[in-house]
Amino acid sequence: MLQRLKAEGVADKELSALLRRERLVPVAHGTTYEELEKVSLLLASRAGLSTAEETMSEVATKIAELVAA
């Protein structure tokens, strides 16, 4: 995804609209928020989940809880 963001240039307005709806939860997998910050400050500034800090099962459970709410 990080390569696609750079190459395709996802507009900050589009990303902002998705984040505003509270339905987009960034999940850092195989990368860090520091690397994500280099590509998108907007996305990196958003609270999200990281598989470096939690297991995939824990991440999935948290996402399920957010979707159910």
PDB file of N, CA and C in Angstrom:
ATOM      1  N   MET A   1       0.816  -1.191   0.000  1.00  0.00           N
ATOM      2  CA  MET A   1       0.000   0.000   0.000  1.00  0.00           C
ATOM      3  C   MET A   1       0.860   1.255   0.000  1.00  0.00           C
ATOM      4  N   LEU A   2       1.953   1.226   0.763  1.00  0.00           N
ATOM      5  CA  LEU A   2       2.796   2.422   0.827  1.00  0.00           C
ATOM      6  C   LEU A   2       3.324   2.784  -0.549  1.00  0.00           C
ATOM      7  N   GLN A   3       3.691   1.786  -1.346  1.00  0.00           N
ATOM      8  CA  GLN A   3       4.166   2.049  -2.702  1.00  0.00           C
ATOM      9  C   GLN A   3       3.042   2.609  -3.565  1.00  0.00           C
ATOM     10  N   ARG A   4       1.843   2.102  -3.414  1.00  0.00           N
ATOM     11  CA  ARG A   4       0.704   2.587  -4.194  1.00  0.00           C
ATOM     12  C   ARG A   4       0.351   4.023  -3.820  1.00  0.00           C
ATOM     13  N   LEU A   5       0.429   4.356  -2.538  1.00  0.00           N
ATOM     14  CA  LEU A   5       0.120   5.726  -2.123  1.00  0.00           C
ATOM     15  C   LEU A   5       1.037   6.713  -2.824  1.00  0.00           C
ATOM     16  N   LYS A   6       2.319   6.390  -2.881  1.00  0.00           N
ATOM     17  CA  LYS A   6       3.277   7.266  -3.552  1.00  0.00           C
ATOM     18  C   LYS A   6       3.008   7.322  -5.051  1.00  0.00           C
ATOM     19  N   ALA A   7       2.819   6.154  -5.652  1.00  0.00           N
ATOM     20  CA  ALA A   7       2.677   6.078  -7.110  1.00  0.00           C
ATOM     21  C   ALA A   7       1.352   6.646  -7.600  1.00  0.00           C
ATOM     22  N   GLU A   8       0.272   6.342  -6.906  1.00  0.00           N
ATOM     23  CA  GLU A   8      -1.048   6.750  -7.370  1.00  0.00           C
ATOM     24  C   GLU A   8      -1.501   8.075  -6.774  1.00  0.00           C
ATOM     25  N   GLY A   9      -0.823   8.512  -5.725  1.00  0.00           N
ATOM     26  CA  GLY A   9      -1.132   9.811  -5.143  1.00  0.00           C
ATOM     27  C   GLY A   9      -2.555   9.934  -4.637  1.00  0.00           C
ATOM     28  N   VAL A  10      -2.929   9.087  -3.687  1.00  0.00           N
ATOM     29  CA  VAL A  10      -4.255   9.200  -3.096  1.00  0.00           C
ATOM     30  C   VAL A  10      -4.396  10.611  -2.541  1.00  0.00           C
ATOM     31  N   ALA A  11      -5.392  11.302  -3.001  1.00  0.00           N
ATOM     32  CA  ALA A  11      -5.586  12.698  -2.607  1.00  0.00           C
ATOM     33  C   ALA A  11      -5.894  12.804  -1.117  1.00  0.00           C
ATOM     34  N   ASP A  12      -5.279  13.782  -0.484  1.00  0.00           N
ATOM     35  CA  ASP A  12      -5.530  13.999   0.938  1.00  0.00           C
ATOM     36  C   ASP A  12      -7.006  14.253   1.212  1.00  0.00           C
ATOM     37  N   LYS A  13      -7.706  14.885   0.280  1.00  0.00           N
ATOM     38  CA  LYS A  13      -9.143  15.134   0.480  1.00  0.00           C
ATOM     39  C   LYS A  13      -9.918  13.829   0.543  1.00  0.00           C
ATOM     40  N   GLU A  14      -9.574  12.881  -0.333  1.00  0.00           N
ATOM     41  CA  GLU A  14     -10.252  11.581  -0.327  1.00  0.00           C
ATOM     42  C   GLU A  14      -9.950  10.832   0.957  1.00  0.00           C
ATOM     43  N   LEU A  15      -8.698  10.822   1.361  1.00  0.00           N
ATOM     44  CA  LEU A  15      -8.300  10.150   2.584  1.00  0.00           C
ATOM     45  C   LEU A  15      -8.947  10.820   3.786  1.00  0.00           C
ATOM     46  N   SER A  16      -8.981  12.128   3.796  1.00  0.00           N
ATOM     47  CA  SER A  16      -9.605  12.872   4.879  1.00  0.00           C
ATOM     48  C   SER A  16     -11.084  12.528   5.005  1.00  0.00           C
ATOM     49  N   ALA A  17     -11.765  12.406   3.872  1.00  0.00           N
ATOM     50  CA  ALA A  17     -13.196  12.063   3.895  1.00  0.00           C
ATOM     51  C   ALA A  17     -13.415  10.682   4.494  1.00  0.00           C
ATOM     52  N   LEU A  18     -12.567   9.735   4.171  1.00  0.00           N
ATOM     53  CA  LEU A  18     -12.687   8.395   4.739  1.00  0.00           C
ATOM     54  C   LEU A  18     -12.424   8.403   6.239  1.00  0.00           C
ATOM     55  N   LEU A  19     -11.411   9.117   6.657  1.00  0.00           N
ATOM     56  CA  LEU A  19     -11.079   9.177   8.078  1.00  0.00           C
ATOM     57  C   LEU A  19     -12.161   9.888   8.884  1.00  0.00           C
ATOM     58  N   ARG A  20     -12.780  10.876   8.303  1.00  0.00           N
ATOM     59  CA  ARG A  20     -13.816  11.646   8.987  1.00  0.00           C
ATOM     60  C   ARG A  20     -15.023  10.777   9.336  1.00  0.00           C
ATOM     61  N   ARG A  21     -15.285   9.780   8.536  1.00  0.00           N
ATOM     62  CA  ARG A  21     -16.444   8.903   8.780  1.00  0.00           C
ATOM     63  C   ARG A  21     -16.224   7.917   9.921  1.00  0.00           C
ATOM     64  N   GLU A  22     -15.012   7.889  10.464  1.00  0.00           N
ATOM     65  CA  GLU A  22     -14.685   6.978  11.563  1.00  0.00           C
ATOM     66  C   GLU A  22     -14.849   5.503  11.156  1.00  0.00           C
ATOM     67  N   ARG A  23     -14.747   5.206   9.870  1.00  0.00           N
ATOM     68  CA  ARG A  23     -14.884   3.833   9.412  1.00  0.00           C
ATOM     69  C   ARG A  23     -13.572   3.289   8.854  1.00  0.00           C
ATOM     70  N   LEU A  24     -12.533   4.092   8.898  1.00  0.00           N
ATOM     71  CA  LEU A  24     -11.232   3.670   8.401  1.00  0.00           C
ATOM     72  C   LEU A  24     -10.280   3.572   9.580  1.00  0.00           C
ATOM     73  N   VAL A  25      -9.761   2.379   9.804  1.00  0.00           N
ATOM     74  CA  VAL A  25      -8.827   2.150  10.893  1.00  0.00           C
ATOM     75  C   VAL A  25      -7.503   1.717  10.279  1.00  0.00           C
ATOM     76  N   PRO A  26      -6.499   2.572  10.325  1.00  0.00           N
ATOM     77  CA  PRO A  26      -5.203   2.171   9.786  1.00  0.00           C
ATOM     78  C   PRO A  26      -4.623   0.989  10.563  1.00  0.00           C
ATOM     79  N   VAL A  27      -4.125   0.010   9.849  1.00  0.00           N
ATOM     80  CA  VAL A  27      -3.457  -1.130  10.463  1.00  0.00           C
ATOM     81  C   VAL A  27      -2.066  -1.220   9.842  1.00  0.00           C
ATOM     82  N   ALA A  28      -1.063  -1.003  10.664  1.00  0.00           N
ATOM     83  CA  ALA A  28       0.319  -1.103  10.193  1.00  0.00           C
ATOM     84  C   ALA A  28       0.737  -2.566  10.295  1.00  0.00           C
ATOM     85  N   HIS A  29       1.035  -3.164   9.141  1.00  0.00           N
ATOM     86  CA  HIS A  29       1.453  -4.562   9.096  1.00  0.00           C
ATOM     87  C   HIS A  29       2.672  -4.654   8.186  1.00  0.00           C
ATOM     88  N   GLY A  30       3.769  -5.103   8.732  1.00  0.00           N
ATOM     89  CA  GLY A  30       4.987  -5.207   7.940  1.00  0.00           C
ATOM     90  C   GLY A  30       5.630  -3.853   7.683  1.00  0.00           C
ATOM     91  N   THR A  31       5.217  -2.861   8.446  1.00  0.00           N
ATOM     92  CA  THR A  31       5.779  -1.518   8.334  1.00  0.00           C
ATOM     93  C   THR A  31       5.632  -0.829   9.682  1.00  0.00           C
ATOM     94  N   THR A  32       6.089   0.368   9.762  1.00  0.00           N
ATOM     95  CA  THR A  32       5.969   1.143  10.999  1.00  0.00           C
ATOM     96  C   THR A  32       5.219   2.432  10.707  1.00  0.00           C
ATOM     97  N   TYR A  33       4.744   3.054  11.753  1.00  0.00           N
ATOM     98  CA  TYR A  33       4.068   4.336  11.566  1.00  0.00           C
ATOM     99  C   TYR A  33       5.062   5.408  11.126  1.00  0.00           C
ATOM    100  N   GLU A  34       6.343   5.225  11.459  1.00  0.00           N
ATOM    101  CA  GLU A  34       7.368   6.160  10.990  1.00  0.00           C
ATOM    102  C   GLU A  34       7.503   6.075   9.473  1.00  0.00           C
ATOM    103  N   GLU A  35       7.478   4.856   8.913  1.00  0.00           N
ATOM    104  CA  GLU A  35       7.541   4.689   7.462  1.00  0.00           C
ATOM    105  C   GLU A  35       6.275   5.215   6.804  1.00  0.00           C
ATOM    106  N   LEU A  36       5.140   4.973   7.432  1.00  0.00           N
ATOM    107  CA  LEU A  36       3.869   5.459   6.913  1.00  0.00           C
ATOM    108  C   LEU A  36       3.844   6.984   6.887  1.00  0.00           C
ATOM    109  N   GLU A  37       4.435   7.590   7.887  1.00  0.00           N
ATOM    110  CA  GLU A  37       4.485   9.054   7.979  1.00  0.00           C
ATOM    111  C   GLU A  37       5.207   9.682   6.782  1.00  0.00           C
ATOM    112  N   LYS A  38       6.196   8.983   6.245  1.00  0.00           N
ATOM    113  CA  LYS A  38       6.940   9.481   5.087  1.00  0.00           C
ATOM    114  C   LYS A  38       6.069   9.554   3.837  1.00  0.00           C
ATOM    115  N   VAL A  39       5.028   8.723   3.788  1.00  0.00           N
ATOM    116  CA  VAL A  39       4.140   8.656   2.631  1.00  0.00           C
ATOM    117  C   VAL A  39       2.888   9.489   2.840  1.00  0.00           C
ATOM    118  N   SER A  40       2.310   9.432   4.041  1.00  0.00           N
ATOM    119  CA  SER A  40       1.066  10.145   4.310  1.00  0.00           C
ATOM    120  C   SER A  40       1.016  10.596   5.768  1.00  0.00           C
ATOM    121  N   LEU A  41       1.270  11.868   5.978  1.00  0.00           N
ATOM    122  CA  LEU A  41       1.180  12.416   7.332  1.00  0.00           C
ATOM    123  C   LEU A  41      -0.234  12.281   7.878  1.00  0.00           C
ATOM    124  N   LEU A  42      -1.210  12.456   7.019  1.00  0.00           N
ATOM    125  CA  LEU A  42      -2.604  12.382   7.427  1.00  0.00           C
ATOM    126  C   LEU A  42      -2.952  10.994   7.959  1.00  0.00           C
ATOM    127  N   LEU A  43      -2.560   9.967   7.240  1.00  0.00           N
ATOM    128  CA  LEU A  43      -2.855   8.603   7.660  1.00  0.00           C
ATOM    129  C   LEU A  43      -2.039   8.213   8.885  1.00  0.00           C
ATOM    130  N   ALA A  44      -0.799   8.602   8.927  1.00  0.00           N
ATOM    131  CA  ALA A  44       0.067   8.261  10.056  1.00  0.00           C
ATOM    132  C   ALA A  44      -0.363   8.951  11.339  1.00  0.00           C
ATOM    133  N   SER A  45      -1.010  10.091  11.221  1.00  0.00           N
ATOM    134  CA  SER A  45      -1.430  10.823  12.412  1.00  0.00           C
ATOM    135  C   SER A  45      -2.686  10.231  13.034  1.00  0.00           C
ATOM    136  N   ARG A  46      -3.328   9.360  12.310  1.00  0.00           N
ATOM    137  CA  ARG A  46      -4.564   8.726  12.769  1.00  0.00           C
ATOM    138  C   ARG A  46      -4.259   7.580  13.720  1.00  0.00           C
ATOM    139  N   ALA A  47      -4.986   7.484  14.814  1.00  0.00           N
ATOM    140  CA  ALA A  47      -4.820   6.360  15.729  1.00  0.00           C
ATOM    141  C   ALA A  47      -5.192   5.083  14.989  1.00  0.00           C
ATOM    142  N   GLY A  48      -4.381   4.094  15.137  1.00  0.00           N
ATOM    143  CA  GLY A  48      -4.634   2.840  14.446  1.00  0.00           C
ATOM    144  C   GLY A  48      -4.077   1.673  15.230  1.00  0.00           C
ATOM    145  N   LEU A  49      -3.926   0.582  14.547  1.00  0.00           N
ATOM    146  CA  LEU A  49      -3.439  -0.645  15.158  1.00  0.00           C
ATOM    147  C   LEU A  49      -2.158  -1.068  14.463  1.00  0.00           C
ATOM    148  N   SER A  50      -1.351  -1.833  15.167  1.00  0.00           N
ATOM    149  CA  SER A  50      -0.095  -2.297  14.605  1.00  0.00           C
ATOM    150  C   SER A  50       0.128  -3.756  14.961  1.00  0.00           C
ATOM    151  N   THR A  51       0.443  -4.569  13.954  1.00  0.00           N
ATOM    152  CA  THR A  51       0.722  -5.976  14.219  1.00  0.00           C
ATOM    153  C   THR A  51       2.096  -6.161  14.850  1.00  0.00           C
ATOM    154  N   ALA A  52       2.880  -5.100  14.930  1.00  0.00           N
ATOM    155  CA  ALA A  52       4.158  -5.173  15.645  1.00  0.00           C
ATOM    156  C   ALA A  52       3.920  -5.075  17.148  1.00  0.00           C
ATOM    157  N   GLU A  53       2.786  -4.508  17.528  1.00  0.00           N
ATOM    158  CA  GLU A  53       2.471  -4.318  18.947  1.00  0.00           C
ATOM    159  C   GLU A  53       1.438  -5.320  19.457  1.00  0.00           C
ATOM    160  N   GLU A  54       0.622  -5.859  18.554  1.00  0.00           N
ATOM    161  CA  GLU A  54      -0.426  -6.803  18.939  1.00  0.00           C
ATOM    162  C   GLU A  54      -0.458  -7.941  17.928  1.00  0.00           C
ATOM    163  N   THR A  55      -0.982  -9.071  18.342  1.00  0.00           N
ATOM    164  CA  THR A  55      -1.092 -10.190  17.408  1.00  0.00           C
ATOM    165  C   THR A  55      -2.182  -9.889  16.379  1.00  0.00           C
ATOM    166  N   MET A  56      -2.142 -10.594  15.265  1.00  0.00           N
ATOM    167  CA  MET A  56      -3.165 -10.411  14.239  1.00  0.00           C
ATOM    168  C   MET A  56      -4.552 -10.729  14.800  1.00  0.00           C
ATOM    169  N   SER A  57      -4.621 -11.707  15.675  1.00  0.00           N
ATOM    170  CA  SER A  57      -5.894 -12.069  16.301  1.00  0.00           C
ATOM    171  C   SER A  57      -6.437 -10.922  17.157  1.00  0.00           C
ATOM    172  N   GLU A  58      -5.560 -10.266  17.906  1.00  0.00           N
ATOM    173  CA  GLU A  58      -5.984  -9.123  18.723  1.00  0.00           C
ATOM    174  C   GLU A  58      -6.438  -7.956  17.844  1.00  0.00           C
ATOM    175  N   VAL A  59      -5.718  -7.721  16.755  1.00  0.00           N
ATOM    176  CA  VAL A  59      -6.092  -6.661  15.816  1.00  0.00           C
ATOM    177  C   VAL A  59      -7.469  -6.968  15.226  1.00  0.00           C
ATOM    178  N   ALA A  60      -7.669  -8.210  14.805  1.00  0.00           N
ATOM    179  CA  ALA A  60      -8.950  -8.607  14.211  1.00  0.00           C
ATOM    180  C   ALA A  60     -10.099  -8.442  15.208  1.00  0.00           C
ATOM    181  N   THR A  61      -9.864  -8.799  16.455  1.00  0.00           N
ATOM    182  CA  THR A  61     -10.889  -8.651  17.494  1.00  0.00           C
ATOM    183  C   THR A  61     -11.250  -7.183  17.695  1.00  0.00           C
ATOM    184  N   LYS A  62     -10.250  -6.321  17.728  1.00  0.00           N
ATOM    185  CA  LYS A  62     -10.506  -4.880  17.906  1.00  0.00           C
ATOM    186  C   LYS A  62     -11.263  -4.305  16.722  1.00  0.00           C
ATOM    187  N   ILE A  63     -10.909  -4.727  15.524  1.00  0.00           N
ATOM    188  CA  ILE A  63     -11.632  -4.251  14.333  1.00  0.00           C
ATOM    189  C   ILE A  63     -13.085  -4.720  14.388  1.00  0.00           C
ATOM    190  N   ALA A  64     -13.312  -5.975  14.769  1.00  0.00           N
ATOM    191  CA  ALA A  64     -14.678  -6.501  14.883  1.00  0.00           C
ATOM    192  C   ALA A  64     -15.484  -5.706  15.897  1.00  0.00           C
ATOM    193  N   GLU A  65     -14.858  -5.342  17.004  1.00  0.00           N
ATOM    194  CA  GLU A  65     -15.540  -4.536  18.017  1.00  0.00           C
ATOM    195  C   GLU A  65     -15.899  -3.150  17.481  1.00  0.00           C
ATOM    196  N   LEU A  66     -14.985  -2.555  16.718  1.00  0.00           N
ATOM    197  CA  LEU A  66     -15.247  -1.230  16.147  1.00  0.00           C
ATOM    198  C   LEU A  66     -16.376  -1.275  15.127  1.00  0.00           C
ATOM    199  N   VAL A  67     -16.403  -2.312  14.316  1.00  0.00           N
ATOM    200  CA  VAL A  67     -17.437  -2.436  13.281  1.00  0.00           C
ATOM    201  C   VAL A  67     -18.804  -2.698  13.917  1.00  0.00           C
ATOM    202  N   ALA A  68     -18.815  -3.439  15.001  1.00  0.00           N
ATOM    203  CA  ALA A  68     -20.075  -3.779  15.673  1.00  0.00           C
ATOM    204  C   ALA A  68     -20.668  -2.576  16.408  1.00  0.00           C
ATOM    205  N   ALA A  69     -19.836  -1.621  16.762  1.00  0.00           N
ATOM    206  CA  ALA A  69     -20.300  -0.484  17.554  1.00  0.00           C
ATOM    207  C   ALA A  69     -21.153   0.469  16.736  1.00  0.00           C
TER     208      ALA A  69
END
